[in-house]
Amino acid sequence: MDKKILIVEDDPNISNIIKMNLTLVHYQTVQVYDGLAALEGIEREKFDLIILDVMIPKLDGFSLMEQIRPKNIPVIFLTAKSAVFDKVNGLKLGADDYMVKPFDGIELLARIETVLRRYGKDESEISIDDVRVFPDKRLTTLKGEPVELTPKEFDLLVVLIVNKNIALSREQFLDKVWGIDYYGDTRTVDVHIKSLRKKLRLQDRIKTIFKIGYRLEV
């Protein structure tokens, strides 16, 4: 079952952007626009994670966090504030991560995956057609048979999965897999993508996006 995420954000435009990004990668979402509505929703439904803006009406994010902390629901604070005090305060209250607006949608998705993994709420196994991926074991199989991937090929595959249905540029792949200090040619991404397609028979799943990069379609 898809994970359910509560979006607590009083700006409808930002809330809708978050919802759109999460829906693309198959998260269920519920949107509320103030702290009291969030509290009522949390009492009524079960959520796997909460994206919580600090400056929301009726009951601010910090006050809401104090009330829901015993429920042990992962929380990522999202706020326009960048003061160190606010960040420290949010983390002390039990938040699992803290992002400052404006934010990158791909970074938010990556942080969500990281927090869910920390709570053991992520999938220990991922299936794509005849391919099965076991992130914790760094194991990949095709029709039940192990497939030998290089460390970079495996990391690239995981990035594709985490960002499924989202087009990433070659530069973004380099940043996430090879690191920001990598100064090689972006064509190394093409080489590794070609290898993944061949080894895992994912030619129809890993799409080339003209003038952008690649996308895993699931």
C-alpha atoms as a PDB file:
ATOM      1  CA  MET A   1       0.000   0.000   0.000  1.00  0.00           C
ATOM      2  CA  ASP A   2       1.227   3.492  -0.821  1.00  0.00           C
ATOM      3  CA  LYS A   3       2.447   5.519   2.120  1.00  0.00           C
ATOM      4  CA  LYS A   4       0.103   8.257   3.352  1.00  0.00           C
ATOM      5  CA  ILE A   5       1.563  11.707   4.029  1.00  0.00           C
ATOM      6  CA  LEU A   6      -0.151  14.641   5.719  1.00  0.00           C
ATOM      7  CA  ILE A   7       0.729  18.044   4.232  1.00  0.00           C
ATOM      8  CA  VAL A   8       0.239  20.861   6.736  1.00  0.00           C
ATOM      9  CA  GLU A   9       0.859  24.084   4.813  1.00  0.00           C
ATOM     10  CA  ASP A  10      -1.283  27.230   4.809  1.00  0.00           C
ATOM     11  CA  ASP A  11      -0.105  28.446   1.384  1.00  0.00           C
ATOM     12  CA  PRO A  12      -2.321  26.581  -1.144  1.00  0.00           C
ATOM     13  CA  ASN A  13       0.208  27.009  -3.966  1.00  0.00           C
ATOM     14  CA  ILE A  14       3.048  25.443  -1.989  1.00  0.00           C
ATOM     15  CA  SER A  15       0.745  22.731  -0.652  1.00  0.00           C
ATOM     16  CA  ASN A  16      -0.396  21.851  -4.169  1.00  0.00           C
ATOM     17  CA  ILE A  17       3.184  21.701  -5.469  1.00  0.00           C
ATOM     18  CA  ILE A  18       4.130  19.310  -2.665  1.00  0.00           C
ATOM     19  CA  LYS A  19       1.045  17.211  -3.347  1.00  0.00           C
ATOM     20  CA  MET A  20       1.830  17.060  -7.069  1.00  0.00           C
ATOM     21  CA  ASN A  21       5.410  15.901  -6.434  1.00  0.00           C
ATOM     22  CA  LEU A  22       4.314  13.259  -3.935  1.00  0.00           C
ATOM     23  CA  THR A  23       1.489  11.992  -6.148  1.00  0.00           C
ATOM     24  CA  LEU A  24       3.927  11.516  -9.032  1.00  0.00           C
ATOM     25  CA  VAL A  25       5.830   8.973  -6.968  1.00  0.00           C
ATOM     26  CA  HIS A  26       2.666   7.297  -5.682  1.00  0.00           C
ATOM     27  CA  TYR A  27       2.356   8.659  -2.167  1.00  0.00           C
ATOM     28  CA  GLN A  28      -1.153   9.187  -0.836  1.00  0.00           C
ATOM     29  CA  THR A  29      -1.623  12.726   0.450  1.00  0.00           C
ATOM     30  CA  VAL A  30      -4.016  14.661   2.653  1.00  0.00           C
ATOM     31  CA  GLN A  31      -3.843  18.467   2.686  1.00  0.00           C
ATOM     32  CA  VAL A  32      -4.808  20.687   5.625  1.00  0.00           C
ATOM     33  CA  TYR A  33      -4.141  24.371   6.081  1.00  0.00           C
ATOM     34  CA  ASP A  34      -4.007  25.027   9.820  1.00  0.00           C
ATOM     35  CA  GLY A  35      -2.797  23.351  12.988  1.00  0.00           C
ATOM     36  CA  LEU A  36      -6.187  22.445  14.430  1.00  0.00           C
ATOM     37  CA  ALA A  37      -7.279  20.757  11.208  1.00  0.00           C
ATOM     38  CA  ALA A  38      -3.991  18.841  11.260  1.00  0.00           C
ATOM     39  CA  LEU A  39      -4.577  17.723  14.837  1.00  0.00           C
ATOM     40  CA  GLU A  40      -8.081  16.534  13.984  1.00  0.00           C
ATOM     41  CA  GLY A  41      -6.795  14.671  10.933  1.00  0.00           C
ATOM     42  CA  ILE A  42      -4.057  12.943  12.910  1.00  0.00           C
ATOM     43  CA  GLU A  43      -6.616  11.783  15.483  1.00  0.00           C
ATOM     44  CA  ARG A  44      -8.881  10.467  12.716  1.00  0.00           C
ATOM     45  CA  GLU A  45      -6.408   8.872  10.281  1.00  0.00           C
ATOM     46  CA  LYS A  46      -3.102   7.048  10.317  1.00  0.00           C
ATOM     47  CA  PHE A  47      -0.201   8.793   8.561  1.00  0.00           C
ATOM     48  CA  ASP A  48       3.260   7.482   7.746  1.00  0.00           C
ATOM     49  CA  LEU A  49       4.828  10.965   7.722  1.00  0.00           C
ATOM     50  CA  ILE A  50       3.877  14.612   8.241  1.00  0.00           C
ATOM     51  CA  ILE A  51       5.237  17.587   6.316  1.00  0.00           C
ATOM     52  CA  LEU A  52       4.664  20.445   8.727  1.00  0.00           C
ATOM     53  CA  ASP A  53       4.993  24.172   8.142  1.00  0.00           C
ATOM     54  CA  VAL A  54       5.922  26.091  11.293  1.00  0.00           C
ATOM     55  CA  MET A  55       3.971  29.301  10.664  1.00  0.00           C
ATOM     56  CA  ILE A  56       0.402  27.995  10.302  1.00  0.00           C
ATOM     57  CA  PRO A  57      -2.845  29.481  11.676  1.00  0.00           C
ATOM     58  CA  LYS A  58      -4.749  28.453  14.826  1.00  0.00           C
ATOM     59  CA  LEU A  59      -2.003  26.187  16.151  1.00  0.00           C
ATOM     60  CA  ASP A  60       1.598  26.732  15.050  1.00  0.00           C
ATOM     61  CA  GLY A  61       3.833  23.891  13.987  1.00  0.00           C
ATOM     62  CA  PHE A  62       5.939  23.848  17.152  1.00  0.00           C
ATOM     63  CA  SER A  63       2.823  23.663  19.380  1.00  0.00           C
ATOM     64  CA  LEU A  64       1.337  20.960  17.170  1.00  0.00           C
ATOM     65  CA  MET A  65       4.585  18.999  17.335  1.00  0.00           C
ATOM     66  CA  GLU A  66       4.436  18.965  21.128  1.00  0.00           C
ATOM     67  CA  GLN A  67       0.957  17.451  21.027  1.00  0.00           C
ATOM     68  CA  ILE A  68       1.617  14.754  18.434  1.00  0.00           C
ATOM     69  CA  ARG A  69       5.104  13.708  19.558  1.00  0.00           C
ATOM     70  CA  PRO A  70       3.799  10.704  21.590  1.00  0.00           C
ATOM     71  CA  LYS A  71       2.296   9.263  18.389  1.00  0.00           C
ATOM     72  CA  ASN A  72       5.803   8.650  16.990  1.00  0.00           C
ATOM     73  CA  ILE A  73       4.929   9.879  13.490  1.00  0.00           C
ATOM     74  CA  PRO A  74       7.925  11.084  11.450  1.00  0.00           C
ATOM     75  CA  VAL A  75       7.845  14.860  10.882  1.00  0.00           C
ATOM     76  CA  ILE A  76       9.693  17.053   8.413  1.00  0.00           C
ATOM     77  CA  PHE A  77       9.421  20.742   9.273  1.00  0.00           C
ATOM     78  CA  LEU A  78       8.978  23.058   6.321  1.00  0.00           C
ATOM     79  CA  THR A  79       9.316  26.766   6.925  1.00  0.00           C
ATOM     80  CA  ALA A  80      10.381  30.105   5.527  1.00  0.00           C
ATOM     81  CA  LYS A  81      12.408  30.733   8.650  1.00  0.00           C
ATOM     82  CA  SER A  82      16.132  30.109   8.390  1.00  0.00           C
ATOM     83  CA  ALA A  83      17.181  31.163  11.896  1.00  0.00           C
ATOM     84  CA  VAL A  84      19.335  28.588  13.656  1.00  0.00           C
ATOM     85  CA  PHE A  85      17.157  28.905  16.774  1.00  0.00           C
ATOM     86  CA  ASP A  86      14.051  27.751  14.886  1.00  0.00           C
ATOM     87  CA  LYS A  87      15.877  24.800  13.386  1.00  0.00           C
ATOM     88  CA  VAL A  88      17.312  23.717  16.717  1.00  0.00           C
ATOM     89  CA  ASN A  89      13.952  24.188  18.429  1.00  0.00           C
ATOM     90  CA  GLY A  90      12.181  22.089  15.815  1.00  0.00           C
ATOM     91  CA  LEU A  91      14.695  19.256  16.078  1.00  0.00           C
ATOM     92  CA  LYS A  92      14.602  19.361  19.877  1.00  0.00           C
ATOM     93  CA  LEU A  93      10.829  18.947  19.730  1.00  0.00           C
ATOM     94  CA  GLY A  94      11.344  15.714  17.852  1.00  0.00           C
ATOM     95  CA  ALA A  95      11.253  16.650  14.178  1.00  0.00           C
ATOM     96  CA  ASP A  96      13.212  14.277  11.960  1.00  0.00           C
ATOM     97  CA  ASP A  97      14.307  16.856   9.408  1.00  0.00           C
ATOM     98  CA  TYR A  98      13.988  20.552   8.637  1.00  0.00           C
ATOM     99  CA  MET A  99      13.748  22.243   5.237  1.00  0.00           C
ATOM    100  CA  VAL A 100      13.759  25.956   4.497  1.00  0.00           C
ATOM    101  CA  LYS A 101      11.666  27.501   1.730  1.00  0.00           C
ATOM    102  CA  PRO A 102      12.214  27.820  -1.155  1.00  0.00           C
ATOM    103  CA  PHE A 103      13.055  24.157  -1.523  1.00  0.00           C
ATOM    104  CA  ASP A 104      13.816  21.715  -4.299  1.00  0.00           C
ATOM    105  CA  GLY A 105      11.070  19.140  -4.860  1.00  0.00           C
ATOM    106  CA  ILE A 106      13.557  16.362  -5.586  1.00  0.00           C
ATOM    107  CA  GLU A 107      15.445  17.105  -2.378  1.00  0.00           C
ATOM    108  CA  LEU A 108      12.183  16.933  -0.398  1.00  0.00           C
ATOM    109  CA  LEU A 109      11.395  13.517  -1.922  1.00  0.00           C
ATOM    110  CA  ALA A 110      14.880  12.271  -1.077  1.00  0.00           C
ATOM    111  CA  ARG A 111      14.544  13.442   2.517  1.00  0.00           C
ATOM    112  CA  ILE A 112      11.143  11.778   2.820  1.00  0.00           C
ATOM    113  CA  GLU A 113      12.655   8.497   1.635  1.00  0.00           C
ATOM    114  CA  THR A 114      15.500   8.855   4.141  1.00  0.00           C
ATOM    115  CA  VAL A 115      13.173   9.527   7.069  1.00  0.00           C
ATOM    116  CA  LEU A 116      10.833   6.666   6.152  1.00  0.00           C
ATOM    117  CA  ARG A 117      13.824   4.344   5.878  1.00  0.00           C
ATOM    118  CA  ARG A 118      14.991   5.439   9.317  1.00  0.00           C
ATOM    119  CA  TYR A 119      11.595   4.508  10.752  1.00  0.00           C
ATOM    120  CA  GLY A 120      11.530   1.216   8.896  1.00  0.00           C
ATOM    121  CA  LYS A 121       8.577   2.404   6.848  1.00  0.00           C
ATOM    122  CA  ASP A 122      10.266   2.109   3.488  1.00  0.00           C
ATOM    123  CA  GLU A 123       9.976  -0.936   1.283  1.00  0.00           C
ATOM    124  CA  SER A 124      12.671  -3.512   2.038  1.00  0.00           C
ATOM    125  CA  GLU A 125      12.093  -4.878  -1.465  1.00  0.00           C
ATOM    126  CA  ILE A 126      11.159  -3.102  -4.672  1.00  0.00           C
ATOM    127  CA  SER A 127       9.814  -4.862  -7.753  1.00  0.00           C
ATOM    128  CA  ILE A 128       9.890  -3.527 -11.310  1.00  0.00           C
ATOM    129  CA  ASP A 129       8.637  -6.087 -13.827  1.00  0.00           C
ATOM    130  CA  ASP A 130      10.992  -9.097 -13.404  1.00  0.00           C
ATOM    131  CA  VAL A 131      13.528  -7.047 -11.452  1.00  0.00           C
ATOM    132  CA  ARG A 132      13.679  -7.139  -7.661  1.00  0.00           C
ATOM    133  CA  VAL A 133      15.840  -4.695  -5.733  1.00  0.00           C
ATOM    134  CA  PHE A 134      16.857  -5.121  -2.085  1.00  0.00           C
ATOM    135  CA  PRO A 135      18.379  -1.751  -1.046  1.00  0.00           C
ATOM    136  CA  ASP A 136      19.581  -2.867   2.391  1.00  0.00           C
ATOM    137  CA  LYS A 137      21.395  -5.899   0.941  1.00  0.00           C
ATOM    138  CA  ARG A 138      22.518  -4.022  -2.183  1.00  0.00           C
ATOM    139  CA  LEU A 139      21.182  -6.980  -4.134  1.00  0.00           C
ATOM    140  CA  THR A 140      19.415  -6.988  -7.488  1.00  0.00           C
ATOM    141  CA  THR A 141      17.815  -9.997  -9.174  1.00  0.00           C
ATOM    142  CA  LEU A 142      16.281 -10.593 -12.593  1.00  0.00           C
ATOM    143  CA  LYS A 143      13.742 -13.437 -12.734  1.00  0.00           C
ATOM    144  CA  GLY A 144      15.132 -14.662  -9.427  1.00  0.00           C
ATOM    145  CA  GLU A 145      18.750 -14.721 -10.543  1.00  0.00           C
ATOM    146  CA  PRO A 146      21.294 -12.288  -9.007  1.00  0.00           C
ATOM    147  CA  VAL A 147      22.565  -9.595 -11.362  1.00  0.00           C
ATOM    148  CA  GLU A 148      26.044  -8.237 -10.779  1.00  0.00           C
ATOM    149  CA  LEU A 149      25.964  -4.439 -10.736  1.00  0.00           C
ATOM    150  CA  THR A 150      28.890  -2.141 -10.076  1.00  0.00           C
ATOM    151  CA  PRO A 151      28.529   0.076  -6.977  1.00  0.00           C
ATOM    152  CA  LYS A 152      27.744   3.104  -9.170  1.00  0.00           C
ATOM    153  CA  GLU A 153      25.215   1.155 -11.239  1.00  0.00           C
ATOM    154  CA  PHE A 154      23.418   0.070  -8.076  1.00  0.00           C
ATOM    155  CA  ASP A 155      23.436   3.610  -6.632  1.00  0.00           C
ATOM    156  CA  LEU A 156      22.141   4.951  -9.940  1.00  0.00           C
ATOM    157  CA  LEU A 157      19.353   2.363  -9.929  1.00  0.00           C
ATOM    158  CA  VAL A 158      18.330   3.385  -6.406  1.00  0.00           C
ATOM    159  CA  VAL A 159      18.261   7.071  -7.413  1.00  0.00           C
ATOM    160  CA  LEU A 160      16.027   6.167 -10.360  1.00  0.00           C
ATOM    161  CA  ILE A 161      13.706   4.233  -8.048  1.00  0.00           C
ATOM    162  CA  VAL A 162      13.547   6.920  -5.358  1.00  0.00           C
ATOM    163  CA  ASN A 163      12.672   9.461  -8.055  1.00  0.00           C
ATOM    164  CA  LYS A 164      10.467   7.156 -10.145  1.00  0.00           C
ATOM    165  CA  ASN A 165       8.323   8.938 -12.736  1.00  0.00           C
ATOM    166  CA  ILE A 166      10.436  12.094 -12.339  1.00  0.00           C
ATOM    167  CA  ALA A 167      12.878  13.222 -15.026  1.00  0.00           C
ATOM    168  CA  LEU A 168      16.353  13.972 -13.668  1.00  0.00           C
ATOM    169  CA  SER A 169      19.131  15.705 -15.518  1.00  0.00           C
ATOM    170  CA  ARG A 170      22.552  14.149 -16.012  1.00  0.00           C
ATOM    171  CA  GLU A 171      23.952  16.763 -13.641  1.00  0.00           C
ATOM    172  CA  GLN A 172      21.491  15.684 -10.944  1.00  0.00           C
ATOM    173  CA  PHE A 173      22.505  12.049 -11.367  1.00  0.00           C
ATOM    174  CA  LEU A 174      26.163  13.032 -11.105  1.00  0.00           C
ATOM    175  CA  ASP A 175      25.472  14.990  -7.927  1.00  0.00           C
ATOM    176  CA  LYS A 176      23.499  12.193  -6.260  1.00  0.00           C
ATOM    177  CA  VAL A 177      25.625   9.214  -7.351  1.00  0.00           C
ATOM    178  CA  TRP A 178      29.145  10.516  -7.987  1.00  0.00           C
ATOM    179  CA  GLY A 179      29.040  13.481  -5.585  1.00  0.00           C
ATOM    180  CA  ILE A 180      29.367  17.230  -6.010  1.00  0.00           C
ATOM    181  CA  ASP A 181      33.161  16.983  -6.292  1.00  0.00           C
ATOM    182  CA  TYR A 182      32.992  14.886  -9.466  1.00  0.00           C
ATOM    183  CA  TYR A 183      34.401  16.761 -12.455  1.00  0.00           C
ATOM    184  CA  GLY A 184      34.125  14.097 -15.142  1.00  0.00           C
ATOM    185  CA  ASP A 185      32.039  14.100 -18.288  1.00  0.00           C
ATOM    186  CA  THR A 186      28.254  13.765 -17.994  1.00  0.00           C
ATOM    187  CA  ARG A 187      28.489  11.003 -20.590  1.00  0.00           C
ATOM    188  CA  THR A 188      29.434   8.621 -17.782  1.00  0.00           C
ATOM    189  CA  VAL A 189      25.741   8.749 -16.800  1.00  0.00           C
ATOM    190  CA  ASP A 190      24.770   7.632 -20.317  1.00  0.00           C
ATOM    191  CA  VAL A 191      27.209   4.722 -20.119  1.00  0.00           C
ATOM    192  CA  HIS A 192      25.832   3.539 -16.783  1.00  0.00           C
ATOM    193  CA  ILE A 193      22.207   3.954 -17.910  1.00  0.00           C
ATOM    194  CA  LYS A 194      22.935   1.875 -21.009  1.00  0.00           C
ATOM    195  CA  SER A 195      24.441  -0.827 -18.824  1.00  0.00           C
ATOM    196  CA  LEU A 196      21.451  -0.877 -16.448  1.00  0.00           C
ATOM    197  CA  ARG A 197      19.025  -1.151 -19.338  1.00  0.00           C
ATOM    198  CA  LYS A 198      20.931  -4.099 -20.776  1.00  0.00           C
ATOM    199  CA  LYS A 199      21.627  -5.976 -17.542  1.00  0.00           C
ATOM    200  CA  LEU A 200      18.086  -5.588 -16.150  1.00  0.00           C
ATOM    201  CA  ARG A 201      16.146  -5.469 -19.434  1.00  0.00           C
ATOM    202  CA  LEU A 202      14.657  -2.107 -18.500  1.00  0.00           C
ATOM    203  CA  GLN A 203      14.805  -0.563 -21.976  1.00  0.00           C
ATOM    204  CA  ASP A 204      11.084   0.171 -21.839  1.00  0.00           C
ATOM    205  CA  ARG A 205      11.200   1.512 -18.281  1.00  0.00           C
ATOM    206  CA  ILE A 206      14.212   3.841 -18.256  1.00  0.00           C
ATOM    207  CA  LYS A 207      13.204   6.568 -20.678  1.00  0.00           C
ATOM    208  CA  THR A 208      15.499   9.109 -22.301  1.00  0.00           C
ATOM    209  CA  ILE A 209      14.024  12.582 -21.845  1.00  0.00           C
ATOM    210  CA  PHE A 210      15.143  14.814 -24.691  1.00  0.00           C
ATOM    211  CA  LYS A 211      17.471  17.646 -23.611  1.00  0.00           C
ATOM    212  CA  ILE A 212      16.984  16.707 -19.934  1.00  0.00           C
ATOM    213  CA  GLY A 213      18.168  13.265 -18.889  1.00  0.00           C
ATOM    214  CA  TYR A 214      16.368  10.095 -17.822  1.00  0.00           C
ATOM    215  CA  ARG A 215      13.244   8.911 -16.047  1.00  0.00           C
ATOM    216  CA  LEU A 216      12.232   5.531 -14.614  1.00  0.00           C
ATOM    217  CA  GLU A 217       8.585   4.983 -15.524  1.00  0.00           C
ATOM    218  CA  VAL A 218       6.717   2.719 -13.126  1.00  0.00           C
END
